[in-house]
Protein backbone atom coordinates (compact mmCIF):
# COMPACT_ATOMS: atom_id res chain seq x y z
CA MET A 1 -152.48 -6.54 38.78
CA GLY A 2 -154.16 -3.20 38.18
CA VAL A 3 -155.18 -1.10 41.18
CA SER A 4 -157.36 2.03 40.98
CA ARG A 5 -156.64 5.15 43.05
CA HIS A 6 -160.21 5.68 44.29
CA CYS A 7 -160.99 6.42 47.93
CA LEU A 8 -163.08 4.10 50.08
CA SER A 9 -166.71 4.53 49.12
CA ALA A 10 -168.31 2.31 51.74
CA ILE A 11 -167.16 0.32 54.71
CA GLN A 12 -169.21 -2.17 56.66
CA LEU A 13 -168.82 -5.10 59.00
CA LYS A 14 -170.03 -8.39 57.60
CA PRO A 15 -169.99 -11.95 59.04
CA LEU A 16 -168.79 -14.87 56.90
CA HIS A 17 -171.62 -16.96 58.37
CA PRO A 18 -174.50 -16.06 60.72
CA GLY A 19 -173.22 -15.94 64.27
CA GLN A 20 -169.58 -15.59 63.23
CA PRO A 21 -167.45 -12.54 64.16
CA PRO A 22 -167.63 -9.82 61.50
CA TYR A 23 -164.74 -8.65 59.36
CA LEU A 24 -164.13 -5.40 57.54
CA VAL A 25 -165.64 -5.03 54.08
CA ALA A 26 -164.60 -2.26 51.71
CA GLN A 27 -167.09 -2.05 48.85
CA ILE A 28 -164.99 -0.73 45.99
CA ARG A 29 -164.35 -2.22 42.59
CA VAL A 30 -160.67 -1.56 42.20
CA LEU A 31 -158.75 -4.82 42.00
CA LYS A 32 -158.19 -6.42 38.59
CA THR A 33 -156.54 -9.81 38.25
CA TRP A 34 -155.35 -11.53 35.07
CA LEU A 35 -156.67 -15.01 34.43
CA SER A 36 -154.53 -18.12 34.28
CA GLY A 37 -156.92 -20.81 35.49
CA CYS A 38 -159.54 -23.08 33.99
CA ILE A 39 -162.09 -20.55 32.77
CA HIS A 40 -160.86 -19.60 29.32
CA LEU A 41 -163.30 -17.81 27.04
CA VAL A 42 -160.96 -15.32 25.34
CA PRO A 43 -157.13 -15.01 25.34
CA ARG A 44 -155.74 -14.38 28.80
CA ALA A 45 -154.19 -11.01 27.93
CA ASP A 46 -157.67 -9.68 27.09
CA LEU A 47 -159.60 -11.07 30.06
CA ARG A 48 -159.26 -9.63 33.56
CA ALA A 49 -161.54 -10.26 36.51
CA VAL A 50 -162.63 -7.27 38.59
CA HIS A 51 -162.79 -7.80 42.35
CA LEU A 52 -163.97 -5.85 45.37
CA HIS A 53 -161.37 -5.05 48.02
CA HIS A 54 -163.31 -7.09 50.57
CA ASP A 55 -162.80 -10.23 48.47
CA MET A 56 -159.26 -10.42 49.83
CA ALA A 57 -160.47 -10.45 53.43
CA TYR A 58 -163.14 -12.98 52.51
CA THR A 59 -160.67 -15.49 51.04
CA GLN A 60 -158.54 -15.20 54.18
CA ALA A 61 -161.55 -15.69 56.46
CA SER A 62 -162.67 -18.73 54.46
CA TYR A 63 -159.67 -20.57 53.02
CA GLY A 64 -156.73 -18.93 54.79
CA GLU A 65 -158.10 -19.30 58.30
CA ARG A 66 -160.33 -22.38 58.10
CA VAL A 67 -158.45 -24.63 55.66
CA LEU A 68 -154.86 -23.44 55.41
CA GLY A 69 -154.65 -22.53 59.07
CA ILE A 70 -152.09 -19.78 58.54
CA ARG A 71 -150.58 -18.29 61.72
CA SER A 72 -148.58 -15.16 62.48
CA GLU A 73 -145.39 -17.19 62.97
CA ASP A 74 -145.66 -18.84 59.53
CA ILE A 75 -143.27 -18.16 56.67
CA CYS A 76 -145.01 -18.54 53.29
CA PHE A 77 -143.22 -19.54 50.10
CA SER A 78 -145.38 -19.55 46.96
CA VAL A 79 -143.61 -20.48 43.75
CA PRO A 80 -146.57 -19.18 41.66
CA LYS A 81 -146.10 -15.42 41.45
CA ILE A 82 -148.16 -12.61 43.00
CA PHE A 83 -149.54 -11.49 39.63
CA PHE A 84 -151.67 -14.66 39.55
CA ALA A 85 -154.64 -14.97 41.91
CA TYR A 86 -153.26 -18.13 43.54
CA GLY A 87 -149.90 -16.52 44.32
CA PHE A 88 -151.56 -13.23 45.28
CA GLY A 89 -153.34 -14.86 48.21
CA ASN A 90 -150.42 -17.11 49.15
CA SER A 91 -147.73 -14.43 49.18
CA LEU A 92 -149.61 -11.24 49.94
CA THR A 93 -153.11 -11.21 51.39
CA PHE A 94 -152.98 -14.28 53.66
CA PRO A 95 -149.66 -13.44 55.38
CA PHE A 96 -150.53 -9.72 55.48
CA LEU A 97 -153.84 -10.28 57.26
CA VAL A 98 -152.29 -12.41 60.05
CA GLY A 99 -148.86 -10.76 60.29
CA ALA A 100 -146.94 -13.68 58.80
CA THR A 101 -143.86 -13.56 56.53
CA SER A 102 -143.46 -14.21 52.79
CA VAL A 103 -140.51 -15.43 50.77
CA LEU A 104 -140.43 -14.03 47.21
CA LEU A 105 -138.28 -15.69 44.56
CA PRO A 106 -137.60 -13.44 41.53
CA GLY A 107 -137.23 -14.73 38.00
CA ARG A 108 -138.14 -18.10 36.54
CA PRO A 109 -137.91 -20.79 39.22
CA ASN A 110 -136.05 -24.07 38.89
CA PRO A 111 -135.61 -26.90 41.42
CA SER A 112 -132.15 -25.77 42.52
CA LEU A 113 -133.25 -22.19 43.24
CA ILE A 114 -136.41 -23.38 45.02
CA PHE A 115 -134.49 -25.80 47.22
CA ASP A 116 -131.93 -23.09 48.03
CA ALA A 117 -134.72 -20.72 49.08
CA ILE A 118 -136.29 -23.38 51.31
CA GLU A 119 -132.98 -24.12 53.03
CA ASN A 120 -132.07 -20.44 53.44
CA PHE A 121 -135.42 -18.98 54.55
CA ARG A 122 -137.05 -22.02 56.23
CA PRO A 123 -140.68 -21.58 55.05
CA THR A 124 -143.41 -23.39 56.97
CA LEU A 125 -146.10 -23.14 54.26
CA PHE A 126 -145.17 -24.11 50.69
CA PHE A 127 -147.42 -23.50 47.67
CA GLY A 128 -147.01 -25.18 44.29
CA LEU A 129 -148.82 -27.26 41.71
CA PRO A 130 -148.45 -30.83 40.41
CA THR A 131 -145.98 -30.05 37.62
CA LEU A 132 -143.78 -28.23 40.12
CA TYR A 133 -143.91 -31.06 42.67
CA THR A 134 -143.04 -33.48 39.84
CA ALA A 135 -139.96 -31.45 38.91
CA LEU A 136 -138.83 -31.05 42.51
CA ALA A 137 -139.23 -34.73 43.36
CA ALA A 138 -137.35 -35.73 40.19
CA ALA A 139 -134.40 -33.38 40.85
CA PRO A 140 -131.13 -35.30 41.32
CA ASP A 141 -130.41 -33.71 44.71
CA ALA A 142 -133.98 -33.79 46.07
CA LYS A 143 -133.27 -36.40 48.75
CA THR A 144 -130.25 -34.51 50.11
CA ARG A 145 -132.07 -31.19 50.57
CA ASP A 146 -133.31 -30.01 53.97
CA LEU A 147 -137.09 -29.50 53.72
CA ARG A 148 -137.89 -30.06 57.40
CA SER A 149 -139.20 -26.53 57.97
CA ILE A 150 -142.29 -27.13 55.78
CA ARG A 151 -145.27 -28.08 57.93
CA ARG A 152 -147.85 -27.95 55.14
CA SER A 153 -147.71 -28.04 51.32
CA ILE A 154 -150.52 -26.90 49.04
CA SER A 155 -151.22 -27.91 45.44
CA ALA A 156 -153.73 -26.34 43.05
CA ALA A 157 -154.51 -25.70 39.36
CA GLU A 158 -154.15 -29.30 38.15
CA THR A 159 -155.08 -32.78 39.38
CA LEU A 160 -152.58 -34.30 41.79
CA ASN A 161 -151.92 -38.01 41.31
CA GLN A 162 -150.84 -40.66 43.78
CA GLU A 163 -147.27 -40.92 42.51
CA ILE A 164 -146.55 -37.20 42.87
CA SER A 165 -148.17 -37.10 46.30
CA GLU A 166 -146.13 -40.05 47.56
CA ALA A 167 -142.91 -38.67 46.07
CA TRP A 168 -143.34 -35.36 47.91
CA LYS A 169 -144.36 -37.15 51.09
CA SER A 170 -141.12 -39.13 50.98
CA LEU A 171 -139.21 -35.82 51.05
CA THR A 172 -141.25 -33.82 53.58
CA GLY A 173 -143.26 -36.34 55.58
CA HIS A 174 -146.59 -35.17 54.14
CA GLY A 175 -148.29 -35.02 50.75
CA PRO A 176 -149.52 -31.77 49.19
CA THR A 177 -153.07 -30.76 50.14
CA GLU A 178 -154.94 -30.41 46.86
CA GLY A 179 -157.43 -27.65 46.17
CA LEU A 180 -159.08 -25.85 43.28
CA GLY A 181 -159.67 -22.15 42.78
CA SER A 182 -160.03 -19.59 40.03
CA THR A 183 -159.36 -15.95 39.37
CA GLU A 184 -163.11 -15.32 39.31
CA LEU A 185 -163.35 -16.42 43.00
CA LEU A 186 -159.88 -14.95 43.77
CA HIS A 187 -158.56 -18.09 45.47
CA ILE A 188 -159.35 -21.71 46.40
CA TYR A 189 -163.01 -22.70 46.86
CA LEU A 190 -162.61 -26.52 46.89
CA SER A 191 -160.04 -28.21 49.07
CA ASN A 192 -159.03 -31.42 50.76
CA SER A 193 -157.96 -31.14 54.38
CA HIS A 194 -154.50 -31.77 55.76
CA ASP A 195 -155.64 -34.94 57.53
CA ASP A 196 -158.10 -36.17 54.86
CA GLN A 197 -156.59 -36.00 51.38
CA ARG A 198 -158.42 -38.01 48.77
CA ILE A 199 -156.18 -38.50 45.78
CA GLY A 200 -157.85 -37.39 42.56
CA ALA A 201 -160.38 -35.18 44.36
CA ALA A 202 -160.26 -31.39 44.18
CA GLY A 203 -161.80 -31.50 47.64
CA GLN A 204 -164.91 -30.33 49.47
CA ALA A 205 -166.45 -26.87 49.38
CA VAL A 206 -164.39 -24.40 51.41
CA PRO A 207 -166.47 -22.71 54.16
CA GLY A 208 -168.19 -19.69 52.66
CA TYR A 209 -168.73 -21.22 49.20
CA GLU A 210 -171.59 -23.16 47.66
CA ILE A 211 -171.16 -25.66 44.83
CA GLN A 212 -173.80 -26.83 42.38
CA LEU A 213 -173.42 -29.31 39.52
CA VAL A 214 -175.82 -28.80 36.63
CA THR A 215 -176.74 -30.33 33.27
CA PRO A 216 -176.03 -28.38 30.05
CA ASP A 217 -179.52 -26.84 30.33
CA GLY A 218 -178.93 -25.76 33.93
CA GLN A 219 -180.78 -28.47 35.86
CA PRO A 220 -179.24 -29.68 39.15
CA ILE A 221 -177.90 -33.25 39.17
CA GLY A 222 -177.44 -35.84 41.90
CA GLU A 223 -174.60 -37.67 43.61
CA GLY A 224 -172.30 -39.55 41.25
CA GLU A 225 -173.54 -37.80 38.10
CA ASP A 226 -171.36 -35.80 35.72
CA GLY A 227 -172.25 -32.09 35.65
CA VAL A 228 -170.82 -28.62 35.05
CA MET A 229 -169.74 -26.82 38.20
CA MET A 230 -171.30 -23.56 39.36
CA VAL A 231 -169.77 -21.75 42.36
CA ARG A 232 -171.23 -19.08 44.63
CA GLY A 233 -169.37 -17.15 47.29
CA ASP A 234 -168.91 -13.56 48.45
CA SER A 235 -165.49 -13.25 46.77
CA SER A 236 -167.01 -13.69 43.29
CA ALA A 237 -165.88 -11.20 40.66
CA PRO A 238 -168.88 -9.11 39.53
CA CYS A 239 -167.56 -8.75 35.98
CA TYR A 240 -164.63 -8.92 33.59
CA TRP A 241 -162.93 -5.63 32.80
CA GLN A 242 -164.58 -4.16 29.68
CA GLN A 243 -165.86 -7.59 28.52
CA ALA A 244 -169.64 -7.42 28.81
CA ASP A 245 -170.32 -10.48 26.63
CA LYS A 246 -167.90 -12.69 28.54
CA THR A 247 -169.24 -11.38 31.83
CA GLY A 248 -172.70 -12.56 30.81
CA GLU A 249 -171.40 -16.03 29.93
CA THR A 250 -169.55 -16.59 33.21
CA MET A 251 -171.19 -14.40 35.89
CA ARG A 252 -174.71 -15.83 36.03
CA GLY A 253 -176.46 -13.93 38.80
CA GLU A 254 -174.77 -14.89 42.06
CA TRP A 255 -173.15 -17.94 40.45
CA ILE A 256 -169.88 -18.34 38.55
CA TYR A 257 -170.12 -20.75 35.61
CA THR A 258 -166.75 -22.54 35.59
CA GLY A 259 -167.18 -24.70 32.47
CA ASP A 260 -165.52 -27.56 34.41
CA ARG A 261 -167.18 -30.97 34.61
CA PHE A 262 -167.17 -32.77 37.98
CA ILE A 263 -168.64 -35.76 39.78
CA ARG A 264 -169.49 -35.51 43.49
CA ARG A 265 -168.88 -38.48 45.77
CA GLU A 266 -169.38 -38.25 49.54
CA GLY A 267 -169.10 -34.47 49.38
CA TYR A 268 -165.82 -34.52 47.42
CA TYR A 269 -165.57 -33.29 43.84
CA TYR A 270 -163.63 -35.13 41.12
CA PHE A 271 -162.62 -33.30 37.96
CA GLN A 272 -163.86 -34.87 34.72
CA GLY A 273 -162.63 -32.34 32.17
CA ARG A 274 -163.80 -29.18 30.47
CA ALA A 275 -167.35 -28.99 29.17
CA ASP A 276 -165.90 -27.85 25.85
CA ASP A 277 -162.74 -29.97 25.50
CA LEU A 278 -164.08 -33.27 24.11
CA ILE A 279 -162.48 -34.35 20.83
CA LYS A 280 -164.25 -36.45 18.21
CA VAL A 281 -161.88 -39.19 17.01
CA SER A 282 -163.09 -41.62 14.34
CA GLY A 283 -166.68 -41.04 15.43
CA PRO A 284 -166.58 -41.44 19.24
CA TRP A 285 -165.82 -38.58 21.60
CA VAL A 286 -162.54 -38.67 23.55
CA TRP A 287 -161.61 -36.72 26.67
CA PRO A 288 -157.90 -35.77 26.33
CA LEU A 289 -157.29 -35.59 30.09
CA GLU A 290 -158.31 -39.24 30.45
CA VAL A 291 -155.60 -40.21 27.94
CA GLU A 292 -153.08 -37.95 29.69
CA ARG A 293 -153.79 -39.59 33.04
CA CYS A 294 -153.41 -43.02 31.47
CA LEU A 295 -150.05 -42.18 29.89
CA ASN A 296 -148.81 -40.64 33.13
CA GLU A 297 -149.42 -43.99 34.84
CA HIS A 298 -146.85 -45.66 32.57
CA PRO A 299 -143.53 -46.04 34.41
CA THR A 300 -141.51 -44.50 31.55
CA VAL A 301 -143.51 -41.22 31.41
CA LEU A 302 -142.57 -38.22 33.52
CA GLU A 303 -145.28 -35.89 32.15
CA CYS A 304 -147.29 -35.40 28.99
CA ALA A 305 -149.96 -33.39 27.21
CA VAL A 306 -152.60 -34.80 24.86
CA LEU A 307 -154.09 -32.52 22.21
CA ALA A 308 -156.28 -32.58 19.11
CA HIS A 309 -154.39 -32.56 15.81
CA LYS A 310 -155.98 -32.00 12.42
CA LEU A 311 -154.47 -33.95 9.52
CA GLN A 312 -154.24 -32.61 5.98
CA ASP A 313 -157.37 -34.56 5.03
CA GLU A 314 -159.26 -32.75 7.86
CA ARG A 315 -159.47 -35.83 10.09
CA VAL A 316 -158.84 -35.17 13.78
CA VAL A 317 -156.47 -37.44 15.72
CA LEU A 318 -154.88 -37.38 19.16
CA ARG A 319 -151.35 -36.04 19.54
CA ALA A 320 -149.37 -36.86 22.67
CA VAL A 321 -146.34 -34.76 23.62
CA VAL A 322 -144.31 -36.79 26.12
CA VAL A 323 -141.37 -36.25 28.45
CA LEU A 324 -139.78 -39.58 29.34
CA ARG A 325 -138.05 -40.40 32.59
CA ASP A 326 -134.27 -40.62 32.47
CA GLY A 327 -132.92 -43.79 30.91
CA ASN A 328 -135.75 -44.33 28.41
CA LYS A 329 -135.18 -44.02 24.68
CA PRO A 330 -137.65 -41.88 22.65
CA ASP A 331 -137.97 -44.07 19.57
CA GLU A 332 -140.58 -45.95 17.55
CA THR A 333 -140.48 -48.90 19.93
CA MET A 334 -141.36 -46.64 22.84
CA THR A 335 -144.20 -45.11 20.81
CA LYS A 336 -145.69 -48.55 20.16
CA ILE A 337 -145.36 -49.44 23.85
CA LEU A 338 -147.23 -46.30 24.93
CA GLN A 339 -149.93 -46.69 22.29
CA ALA A 340 -150.48 -50.30 23.29
CA PHE A 341 -150.67 -49.29 26.94
CA VAL A 342 -153.49 -46.82 26.23
CA ARG A 343 -155.33 -49.36 24.06
CA ASP A 344 -155.18 -51.95 26.83
CA GLU A 345 -156.07 -49.59 29.68
CA LEU A 346 -158.78 -47.61 27.89
CA MET A 347 -160.09 -48.27 24.37
CA PRO A 348 -158.24 -48.76 21.06
CA PHE A 349 -159.58 -45.53 19.52
CA LYS A 350 -158.24 -43.53 22.49
CA ALA A 351 -154.60 -44.35 21.72
CA PRO A 352 -152.77 -41.26 20.38
CA ARG A 353 -152.02 -41.51 16.65
CA LEU A 354 -149.03 -39.16 17.00
CA VAL A 355 -146.47 -39.33 19.81
CA GLU A 356 -143.75 -36.69 20.11
CA TYR A 357 -140.93 -36.58 22.63
CA ARG A 358 -139.48 -33.53 24.36
CA ASP A 359 -136.90 -32.85 27.04
CA THR A 360 -139.39 -30.47 28.70
CA LEU A 361 -142.91 -29.17 28.14
CA PRO A 362 -143.65 -25.43 27.89
CA LYS A 363 -145.11 -23.98 31.08
CA THR A 364 -147.29 -20.98 31.85
CA GLY A 365 -146.31 -18.35 34.39
CA THR A 366 -147.96 -20.40 37.12
CA GLY A 367 -146.08 -23.54 36.11
CA LYS A 368 -148.95 -25.38 34.42
CA ILE A 369 -148.40 -27.13 31.08
CA ASP A 370 -148.94 -24.52 28.37
CA ARG A 371 -151.27 -26.37 26.01
CA GLN A 372 -151.93 -23.23 23.97
CA ALA A 373 -148.22 -23.03 23.10
CA LEU A 374 -148.25 -26.67 22.01
CA LEU A 375 -151.37 -26.12 19.88
CA LYS A 376 -149.68 -23.25 18.05
CA GLU A 377 -146.73 -25.40 16.97
């Protein structure tokens, strides 16, 4: 995170909504955050979102107060680090603005270290993501660990499935509350609620944010139709640092163009994939995430990633990189079982031509599957 040394240039009081109590707004462009989320137009090391200082107060007044419900007596433990926007709010701005406490875990986390920190420091709010909850629930000693201090768990960055939610619920008494955010908005702008969690949904609009789904040519769409998500809120980054072209592609007036495709049902938004991630396989288009979700439903699969792979003759096929659950043998028989499962559940042409097996999948700093690392192999 880069922070400028400028003085305050303007301070004003601004309500989140008409009639609501005002909060302090400092109008300075000094906060730069590195991207790790869904919006990926250039390599992450080259793309940083610039934020106003008041964006931090805004995310607390919207998500922190009205969805998370953070209190001064809370102890926050975010496994994603502070140098990512998600961890920045979880560990720093939210607890700071209400006088709560944060637990910081140095180094690369693993289930044993995370469980030790929970038992030693007794956090009440726990922040992770689906791959992390999968690893924790699958840990050999998960059921013997004392997680009773956690009153609420939050998941973001990837889609949470029923199995992961139920596994975590069996350990803590509640499932993770799923949400979706981005560096461009600084934190979560879609979220389920603690008492209304719809599996597979990123959630409803967080108070203070507006959502619009549009066609490729920018026309609004209706309920149940597939469209690209645009987000508007007062924590929107005005630009990327020294990236004018990319700023123009993403910051479209007051709206942030996410590039993510969603369907809205009863006010809840369901992720359908990236607008630019469809793969043409033997003529038809295939959405890799659909195949990933299908494979993850098979009882032998712990986690997987599905990618495009170009053969020597220039044909494009699907490549699945799979981590099996303990006790399953990664051999040709297993490959045929998984391919047949996808053919039966989806369509024959959606079955991955190549299936590779790993003990683990590479992860980004936030714990998401690092698909870029797999593509480079």
